[in-house]
Each structure stands twice: as C-alpha cells, then as structure tokens.
C-alpha cells in the first residue's frame, strides 16, 4: 500500500511539473515575440529619427543658400550704379 501511494504521489508530482514547464515555454516564446516586435518598432523609430535629421540638414543648407543669395542681392542694390 505504501509503495502504491508513493508511486501515485511521484506520478502526480511529475505530471504537475510537466504541465508547469509547458506554460513556461509558452511564456518564453511570447516574450521573445514581444521582444522582436519591440526591436522592429525601435528600428522603425530610429529610421524616422534619421530621416528627420537628414531633412533638418537639408533645410539648413537651403537656409544658408537663401541667406547667401539675399546678401548678394543686397550688395548689388547697395553698390553705386556707374553710368
């Protein structure tokens, strides 16, 4: 009787642990999927930041060119006309 009871308890414990282990694997897989999604979102965000920085640089270059053109135009208008 004791031997049967001991085997039954061990079998129950084994099955209980096996059932818990499956959930842990599922949770680990879910965590990996969420981590991959987070990494993809982070990469997309970084791409947008890089694109915005490039647009800012282009806008600054355009501003410099505009300022140069304005200075040259003002210099032409300020120069005395020789006729």
PDB file of N, CA and C in Angstrom:
ATOM      1  N   UNK A   1       0.819  -1.179   0.000  1.00  0.00           N
ATOM      2  CA  UNK A   1       0.000   0.000   0.000  1.00  0.00           C
ATOM      3  C   UNK A   1       0.874   1.259   0.000  1.00  0.00           C
ATOM      4  N   UNK A   2       1.905   1.289   0.817  1.00  0.00           N
ATOM      5  CA  UNK A   2       2.791   2.456   0.866  1.00  0.00           C
ATOM      6  C   UNK A   2       3.496   2.638  -0.466  1.00  0.00           C
ATOM      7  N   UNK A   3       3.901   1.543  -1.072  1.00  0.00           N
ATOM      8  CA  UNK A   3       4.608   1.622  -2.339  1.00  0.00           C
ATOM      9  C   UNK A   3       3.678   2.192  -3.418  1.00  0.00           C
ATOM     10  N   UNK A   4       2.449   1.770  -3.460  1.00  0.00           N
ATOM     11  CA  UNK A   4       1.469   2.262  -4.433  1.00  0.00           C
ATOM     12  C   UNK A   4       1.194   3.749  -4.206  1.00  0.00           C
ATOM     13  N   UNK A   5       1.068   4.133  -2.955  1.00  0.00           N
ATOM     14  CA  UNK A   5       0.839   5.531  -2.624  1.00  0.00           C
ATOM     15  C   UNK A   5       2.036   6.385  -3.021  1.00  0.00           C
ATOM     16  N   UNK A   6       3.239   5.910  -2.782  1.00  0.00           N
ATOM     17  CA  UNK A   6       4.451   6.647  -3.135  1.00  0.00           C
ATOM     18  C   UNK A   6       4.556   6.806  -4.645  1.00  0.00           C
ATOM     19  N   UNK A   7       4.259   5.752  -5.390  1.00  0.00           N
ATOM     20  CA  UNK A   7       4.311   5.833  -6.853  1.00  0.00           C
ATOM     21  C   UNK A   7       3.256   6.817  -7.360  1.00  0.00           C
ATOM     22  N   UNK A   8       2.064   6.782  -6.791  1.00  0.00           N
ATOM     23  CA  UNK A   8       0.998   7.691  -7.198  1.00  0.00           C
ATOM     24  C   UNK A   8       1.377   9.141  -6.918  1.00  0.00           C
ATOM     25  N   UNK A   9       1.987   9.410  -5.777  1.00  0.00           N
ATOM     26  CA  UNK A   9       2.425  10.779  -5.451  1.00  0.00           C
ATOM     27  C   UNK A   9       3.525  11.253  -6.395  1.00  0.00           C
ATOM     28  N   UNK A  10       4.468  10.379  -6.694  1.00  0.00           N
ATOM     29  CA  UNK A  10       5.550  10.752  -7.619  1.00  0.00           C
ATOM     30  C   UNK A  10       5.000  11.009  -9.016  1.00  0.00           C
ATOM     31  N   UNK A  11       4.069  10.182  -9.462  1.00  0.00           N
ATOM     32  CA  UNK A  11       3.462  10.373 -10.775  1.00  0.00           C
ATOM     33  C   UNK A  11       2.698  11.694 -10.818  1.00  0.00           C
ATOM     34  N   UNK A  12       1.978  12.003  -9.777  1.00  0.00           N
ATOM     35  CA  UNK A  12       1.238  13.268  -9.701  1.00  0.00           C
ATOM     36  C   UNK A  12       2.194  14.462  -9.718  1.00  0.00           C
ATOM     37  N   UNK A  13       3.269  14.366  -8.967  1.00  0.00           N
ATOM     38  CA  UNK A  13       4.256  15.449  -8.930  1.00  0.00           C
ATOM     39  C   UNK A  13       4.915  15.618 -10.299  1.00  0.00           C
ATOM     40  N   UNK A  14       5.236  14.526 -10.933  1.00  0.00           N
ATOM     41  CA  UNK A  14       5.867  14.576 -12.253  1.00  0.00           C
ATOM     42  C   UNK A  14       4.943  15.241 -13.270  1.00  0.00           C
ATOM     43  N   UNK A  15       3.693  14.831 -13.291  1.00  0.00           N
ATOM     44  CA  UNK A  15       2.733  15.412 -14.225  1.00  0.00           C
ATOM     45  C   UNK A  15       2.492  16.891 -13.924  1.00  0.00           C
ATOM     46  N   UNK A  16       2.465  17.238 -12.660  1.00  0.00           N
ATOM     47  CA  UNK A  16       2.299  18.641 -12.281  1.00  0.00           C
ATOM     48  C   UNK A  16       3.454  19.496 -12.762  1.00  0.00           C
ATOM     49  N   UNK A  17       4.665  18.994 -12.622  1.00  0.00           N
ATOM     50  CA  UNK A  17       5.839  19.735 -13.086  1.00  0.00           C
ATOM     51  C   UNK A  17       5.875  19.808 -14.604  1.00  0.00           C
ATOM     52  N   UNK A  18       5.506  18.740 -15.256  1.00  0.00           N
ATOM     53  CA  UNK A  18       5.491  18.736 -16.716  1.00  0.00           C
ATOM     54  C   UNK A  18       4.485  19.759 -17.247  1.00  0.00           C
ATOM     55  N   UNK A  19       3.349  19.873 -16.608  1.00  0.00           N
ATOM     56  CA  UNK A  19       2.337  20.835 -17.029  1.00  0.00           C
ATOM     57  C   UNK A  19       2.827  22.266 -16.821  1.00  0.00           C
ATOM     58  N   UNK A  20       3.508  22.537 -15.745  1.00  0.00           N
ATOM     59  CA  UNK A  20       4.038  23.874 -15.472  1.00  0.00           C
ATOM     60  C   UNK A  20       5.122  24.241 -16.472  1.00  0.00           C
ATOM     61  N   UNK A  21       5.925  23.286 -16.846  1.00  0.00           N
ATOM     62  CA  UNK A  21       7.028  23.545 -17.761  1.00  0.00           C
ATOM     63  C   UNK A  21       6.513  23.984 -19.120  1.00  0.00           C
ATOM     64  N   UNK A  22       5.432  23.435 -19.576  1.00  0.00           N
ATOM     65  CA  UNK A  22       4.861  23.805 -20.867  1.00  0.00           C
ATOM     66  C   UNK A  22       4.445  25.266 -20.872  1.00  0.00           C
ATOM     67  N   UNK A  23       3.832  25.718 -19.815  1.00  0.00           N
ATOM     68  CA  UNK A  23       3.422  27.114 -19.738  1.00  0.00           C
ATOM     69  C   UNK A  23       4.630  28.036 -19.745  1.00  0.00           C
ATOM     70  N   UNK A  24       5.694  27.620 -19.098  1.00  0.00           N
ATOM     71  CA  UNK A  24       6.907  28.434 -19.075  1.00  0.00           C
ATOM     72  C   UNK A  24       7.474  28.591 -20.479  1.00  0.00           C
ATOM     73  N   UNK A  25       7.443  27.504 -21.252  1.00  0.00           N
ATOM     74  CA  UNK A  25       7.933  27.586 -22.625  1.00  0.00           C
ATOM     75  C   UNK A  25       7.069  28.527 -23.454  1.00  0.00           C
ATOM     76  N   UNK A  26       5.760  28.430 -23.259  1.00  0.00           N
ATOM     77  CA  UNK A  26       4.858  29.317 -23.991  1.00  0.00           C
ATOM     78  C   UNK A  26       5.117  30.775 -23.626  1.00  0.00           C
ATOM     79  N   UNK A  27       5.307  31.032 -22.349  1.00  0.00           N
ATOM     80  CA  UNK A  27       5.585  32.398 -21.914  1.00  0.00           C
ATOM     81  C   UNK A  27       6.909  32.898 -22.465  1.00  0.00           C
ATOM     82  N   UNK A  28       7.894  32.022 -22.529  1.00  0.00           N
ATOM     83  CA  UNK A  28       9.196  32.409 -23.083  1.00  0.00           C
ATOM     84  C   UNK A  28       9.077  32.735 -24.569  1.00  0.00           C
ATOM     85  N   UNK A  29       8.302  31.945 -25.295  1.00  0.00           N
ATOM     86  CA  UNK A  29       8.096  32.216 -26.716  1.00  0.00           C
ATOM     87  C   UNK A  29       7.353  33.533 -26.914  1.00  0.00           C
ATOM     88  N   UNK A  30       6.343  33.766 -26.100  1.00  0.00           N
ATOM     89  CA  UNK A  30       5.617  35.034 -26.178  1.00  0.00           C
ATOM     90  C   UNK A  30       6.538  36.209 -25.871  1.00  0.00           C
ATOM     91  N   UNK A  31       7.374  36.046 -24.882  1.00  0.00           N
ATOM     92  CA  UNK A  31       8.312  37.113 -24.524  1.00  0.00           C
ATOM     93  C   UNK A  31       9.276  37.382 -25.675  1.00  0.00           C
ATOM     94  N   UNK A  32       9.741  36.331 -26.332  1.00  0.00           N
ATOM     95  CA  UNK A  32      10.641  36.509 -27.477  1.00  0.00           C
ATOM     96  C   UNK A  32       9.939  37.229 -28.620  1.00  0.00           C
ATOM     97  N   UNK A  33       8.685  36.863 -28.871  1.00  0.00           N
ATOM     98  CA  UNK A  33       7.930  37.539 -29.925  1.00  0.00           C
ATOM     99  C   UNK A  33       7.741  39.012 -29.611  1.00  0.00           C
ATOM    100  N   UNK A  34       7.422  39.308 -28.366  1.00  0.00           N
ATOM    101  CA  UNK A  34       7.248  40.715 -27.965  1.00  0.00           C
ATOM    102  C   UNK A  34       8.574  41.474 -28.059  1.00  0.00           C
ATOM    103  N   UNK A  35       9.645  40.811 -27.721  1.00  0.00           N
ATOM    104  CA  UNK A  35      10.959  41.452 -27.814  1.00  0.00           C
ATOM    105  C   UNK A  35      11.306  41.747 -29.273  1.00  0.00           C
ATOM    106  N   UNK A  36      10.991  40.816 -30.165  1.00  0.00           N
ATOM    107  CA  UNK A  36      11.252  41.039 -31.587  1.00  0.00           C
ATOM    108  C   UNK A  36      10.403  42.182 -32.123  1.00  0.00           C
ATOM    109  N   UNK A  37       9.133  42.228 -31.722  1.00  0.00           N
ATOM    110  CA  UNK A  37       8.264  43.316 -32.153  1.00  0.00           C
ATOM    111  C   UNK A  37       8.764  44.656 -31.631  1.00  0.00           C
ATOM    112  N   UNK A  38       9.206  44.665 -30.403  1.00  0.00           N
ATOM    113  CA  UNK A  38       9.735  45.900 -29.816  1.00  0.00           C
ATOM    114  C   UNK A  38      10.982  46.352 -30.571  1.00  0.00           C
ATOM    115  N   UNK A  39      11.837  45.406 -30.939  1.00  0.00           N
ATOM    116  CA  UNK A  39      13.055  45.742 -31.685  1.00  0.00           C
ATOM    117  C   UNK A  39      12.699  46.307 -33.061  1.00  0.00           C
ATOM    118  N   UNK A  40      11.698  45.717 -33.713  1.00  0.00           N
ATOM    119  CA  UNK A  40      11.270  46.230 -35.013  1.00  0.00           C
ATOM    120  C   UNK A  40      10.731  47.644 -34.887  1.00  0.00           C
ATOM    121  N   UNK A  41       9.922  47.883 -33.869  1.00  0.00           N
ATOM    122  CA  UNK A  41       9.376  49.228 -33.650  1.00  0.00           C
ATOM    123  C   UNK A  41      10.495  50.224 -33.348  1.00  0.00           C
ATOM    124  N   UNK A  42      11.475  49.774 -32.586  1.00  0.00           N
ATOM    125  CA  UNK A  42      12.609  50.640 -32.266  1.00  0.00           C
ATOM    126  C   UNK A  42      13.391  50.981 -33.530  1.00  0.00           C
ATOM    127  N   UNK A  43      13.588  49.988 -34.399  1.00  0.00           N
ATOM    128  CA  UNK A  43      14.294  50.235 -35.659  1.00  0.00           C
ATOM    129  C   UNK A  43      13.512  51.210 -36.536  1.00  0.00           C
ATOM    130  N   UNK A  44      12.188  51.038 -36.596  1.00  0.00           N
ATOM    131  CA  UNK A  44      11.362  51.957 -37.378  1.00  0.00           C
ATOM    132  C   UNK A  44      11.458  53.383 -36.825  1.00  0.00           C
ATOM    133  N   UNK A  45      11.428  53.499 -35.519  1.00  0.00           N
ATOM    134  CA  UNK A  45      11.537  54.816 -34.896  1.00  0.00           C
ATOM    135  C   UNK A  45      12.899  55.446 -35.188  1.00  0.00           C
ATOM    136  N   UNK A  46      13.946  54.637 -35.142  1.00  0.00           N
ATOM    137  CA  UNK A  46      15.290  55.155 -35.422  1.00  0.00           C
ATOM    138  C   UNK A  46      15.388  55.607 -36.871  1.00  0.00           C
ATOM    139  N   UNK A  47      14.769  54.861 -37.792  1.00  0.00           N
ATOM    140  CA  UNK A  47      14.760  55.267 -39.196  1.00  0.00           C
ATOM    141  C   UNK A  47      14.065  56.609 -39.364  1.00  0.00           C
ATOM    142  N   UNK A  48      12.962  56.801 -38.646  1.00  0.00           N
ATOM    143  CA  UNK A  48      12.243  58.079 -38.740  1.00  0.00           C
ATOM    144  C   UNK A  48      13.076  59.222 -38.164  1.00  0.00           C
ATOM    145  N   UNK A  49      13.787  58.954 -37.086  1.00  0.00           N
ATOM    146  CA  UNK A  49      14.652  59.982 -36.498  1.00  0.00           C
ATOM    147  C   UNK A  49      15.769  60.341 -37.474  1.00  0.00           C
ATOM    148  N   UNK A  50      16.349  59.323 -38.117  1.00  0.00           N
ATOM    149  CA  UNK A  50      17.416  59.580 -39.091  1.00  0.00           C
ATOM    150  C   UNK A  50      16.897  60.383 -40.276  1.00  0.00           C
ATOM    151  N   UNK A  51      15.692  60.039 -40.731  1.00  0.00           N
ATOM    152  CA  UNK A  51      15.095  60.768 -41.845  1.00  0.00           C
ATOM    153  C   UNK A  51      14.829  62.223 -41.460  1.00  0.00           C
ATOM    154  N   UNK A  52      14.338  62.443 -40.254  1.00  0.00           N
ATOM    155  CA  UNK A  52      14.077  63.804 -39.788  1.00  0.00           C
ATOM    156  C   UNK A  52      15.377  64.599 -39.678  1.00  0.00           C
ATOM    157  N   UNK A  53      16.427  63.948 -39.216  1.00  0.00           N
ATOM    158  CA  UNK A  53      17.719  64.634 -39.105  1.00  0.00           C
ATOM    159  C   UNK A  53      18.236  65.026 -40.487  1.00  0.00           C
ATOM    160  N   UNK A  54      18.056  64.135 -41.451  1.00  0.00           N
ATOM    161  CA  UNK A  54      18.500  64.439 -42.817  1.00  0.00           C
ATOM    162  C   UNK A  54      17.714  65.622 -43.377  1.00  0.00           C
ATOM    163  N   UNK A  55      16.400  65.641 -43.139  1.00  0.00           N
ATOM    164  CA  UNK A  55      15.584  66.754 -43.601  1.00  0.00           C
ATOM    165  C   UNK A  55      15.984  68.059 -42.923  1.00  0.00           C
ATOM    166  N   UNK A  56      16.363  67.990 -41.668  1.00  0.00           N
ATOM    167  CA  UNK A  56      16.818  69.182 -40.951  1.00  0.00           C
ATOM    168  C   UNK A  56      18.111  69.716 -41.557  1.00  0.00           C
ATOM    169  N   UNK A  57      19.024  68.813 -41.895  1.00  0.00           N
ATOM    170  CA  UNK A  57      20.285  69.226 -42.524  1.00  0.00           C
ATOM    171  C   UNK A  57      20.009  69.851 -43.881  1.00  0.00           C
ATOM    172  N   UNK A  58      19.119  69.221 -44.664  1.00  0.00           N
ATOM    173  CA  UNK A  58      18.786  69.782 -45.973  1.00  0.00           C
ATOM    174  C   UNK A  58      18.150  71.160 -45.831  1.00  0.00           C
ATOM    175  N   UNK A  59      17.290  71.326 -44.851  1.00  0.00           N
ATOM    176  CA  UNK A  59      16.656  72.630 -44.627  1.00  0.00           C
ATOM    177  C   UNK A  59      17.698  73.668 -44.221  1.00  0.00           C
ATOM    178  N   UNK A  60      18.650  73.274 -43.410  1.00  0.00           N
ATOM    179  CA  UNK A  60      19.705  74.211 -43.000  1.00  0.00           C
ATOM    180  C   UNK A  60      20.551  74.631 -44.203  1.00  0.00           C
ATOM    181  N   UNK A  61      20.861  73.679 -45.086  1.00  0.00           N
ATOM    182  CA  UNK A  61      21.628  74.018 -46.300  1.00  0.00           C
ATOM    183  C   UNK A  61      20.848  74.987 -47.176  1.00  0.00           C
ATOM    184  N   UNK A  62      19.549  74.721 -47.330  1.00  0.00           N
ATOM    185  CA  UNK A  62      18.711  75.618 -48.123  1.00  0.00           C
ATOM    186  C   UNK A  62      18.657  77.011 -47.499  1.00  0.00           C
ATOM    187  N   UNK A  63      18.617  77.085 -46.182  1.00  0.00           N
ATOM    188  CA  UNK A  63      18.594  78.369 -45.488  1.00  0.00           C
ATOM    189  C   UNK A  63      19.894  79.131 -45.727  1.00  0.00           C
ATOM    190  N   UNK A  64      21.016  78.417 -45.692  1.00  0.00           N
ATOM    191  CA  UNK A  64      22.311  79.061 -45.931  1.00  0.00           C
ATOM    192  C   UNK A  64      22.366  79.601 -47.351  1.00  0.00           C
ATOM    193  N   UNK A  65      21.923  78.806 -48.311  1.00  0.00           N
ATOM    194  CA  UNK A  65      21.928  79.266 -49.705  1.00  0.00           C
ATOM    195  C   UNK A  65      21.017  80.483 -49.885  1.00  0.00           C
ATOM    196  N   UNK A  66      19.884  80.452 -49.237  1.00  0.00           N
ATOM    197  CA  UNK A  66      18.959  81.576 -49.311  1.00  0.00           C
ATOM    198  C   UNK A  66      19.580  82.828 -48.707  1.00  0.00           C
ATOM    199  N   UNK A  67      20.241  82.655 -47.587  1.00  0.00           N
ATOM    200  CA  UNK A  67      20.888  83.808 -46.937  1.00  0.00           C
ATOM    201  C   UNK A  67      21.998  84.370 -47.816  1.00  0.00           C
ATOM    202  N   UNK A  68      22.777  83.500 -48.448  1.00  0.00           N
ATOM    203  CA  UNK A  68      23.839  83.965 -49.344  1.00  0.00           C
ATOM    204  C   UNK A  68      23.258  84.744 -50.509  1.00  0.00           C
ATOM    205  N   UNK A  69      22.189  84.229 -51.081  1.00  0.00           N
ATOM    206  CA  UNK A  69      21.555  84.913 -52.206  1.00  0.00           C
ATOM    207  C   UNK A  69      21.013  86.271 -51.766  1.00  0.00           C
ATOM    208  N   UNK A  70      20.449  86.351 -50.587  1.00  0.00           N
ATOM    209  CA  UNK A  70      19.918  87.621 -50.083  1.00  0.00           C
ATOM    210  C   UNK A  70      21.040  88.623 -49.867  1.00  0.00           C
ATOM    211  N   UNK A  71      22.166  88.158 -49.344  1.00  0.00           N
ATOM    212  CA  UNK A  71      23.304  89.055 -49.117  1.00  0.00           C
ATOM    213  C   UNK A  71      23.851  89.564 -50.445  1.00  0.00           C
ATOM    214  N   UNK A  72      23.968  88.659 -51.423  1.00  0.00           N
ATOM    215  CA  UNK A  72      24.475  89.080 -52.734  1.00  0.00           C
ATOM    216  C   UNK A  72      23.528  90.084 -53.393  1.00  0.00           C
ATOM    217  N   UNK A  73      22.234  89.845 -53.274  1.00  0.00           N
ATOM    218  CA  UNK A  73      21.254  90.759 -53.849  1.00  0.00           C
ATOM    219  C   UNK A  73      21.302  92.117 -53.156  1.00  0.00           C
ATOM    220  N   UNK A  74      21.441  92.109 -51.844  1.00  0.00           N
ATOM    221  CA  UNK A  74      21.527  93.378 -51.102  1.00  0.00           C
ATOM    222  C   UNK A  74      22.801  94.116 -51.466  1.00  0.00           C
ATOM    223  N   UNK A  75      23.879  93.365 -51.680  1.00  0.00           N
ATOM    224  CA  UNK A  75      25.147  94.010 -52.051  1.00  0.00           C
ATOM    225  C   UNK A  75      25.042  94.651 -53.437  1.00  0.00           C
ATOM    226  N   UNK A  76      24.345  93.996 -54.346  1.00  0.00           N
ATOM    227  CA  UNK A  76      24.179  94.564 -55.700  1.00  0.00           C
ATOM    228  C   UNK A  76      23.352  95.834 -55.655  1.00  0.00           C
ATOM    229  N   UNK A  77      22.309  95.823 -54.829  1.00  0.00           N
ATOM    230  CA  UNK A  77      21.450  97.002 -54.738  1.00  0.00           C
ATOM    231  C   UNK A  77      22.149  98.149 -54.032  1.00  0.00           C
ATOM    232  N   UNK A  78      23.034  97.836 -53.109  1.00  0.00           N
ATOM    233  CA  UNK A  78      23.716  98.875 -52.344  1.00  0.00           C
ATOM    234  C   UNK A  78      24.894  99.460 -53.111  1.00  0.00           C
ATOM    235  N   UNK A  79      25.412  98.717 -54.088  1.00  0.00           N
ATOM    236  CA  UNK A  79      26.559  99.224 -54.849  1.00  0.00           C
ATOM    237  C   UNK A  79      26.119 100.399 -55.714  1.00  0.00           C
ATOM    238  N   UNK A  80      26.984 101.422 -55.786  1.00  0.00           N
ATOM    239  CA  UNK A  80      26.629 102.582 -56.611  1.00  0.00           C
ATOM    240  C   UNK A  80      26.608 102.182 -58.095  1.00  0.00           C
ATOM    241  N   UNK A  81      25.622 102.730 -58.795  1.00  0.00           N
ATOM    242  CA  UNK A  81      25.497 102.426 -60.202  1.00  0.00           C
ATOM    243  C   UNK A  81      26.430 103.367 -60.971  1.00  0.00           C
ATOM    244  N   UNK A  82      27.160 102.788 -61.894  1.00  0.00           N
ATOM    245  CA  UNK A  82      28.114 103.589 -62.695  1.00  0.00           C
ATOM    246  C   UNK A  82      27.614 103.651 -64.121  1.00  0.00           C
ATOM    247  N   UNK A  83      27.056 104.776 -64.517  1.00  0.00           N
ATOM    248  CA  UNK A  83      26.584 105.010 -65.887  1.00  0.00           C
ATOM    249  C   UNK A  83      27.093 106.307 -66.387  1.00  0.00           C
TER     250      UNK A  83
END
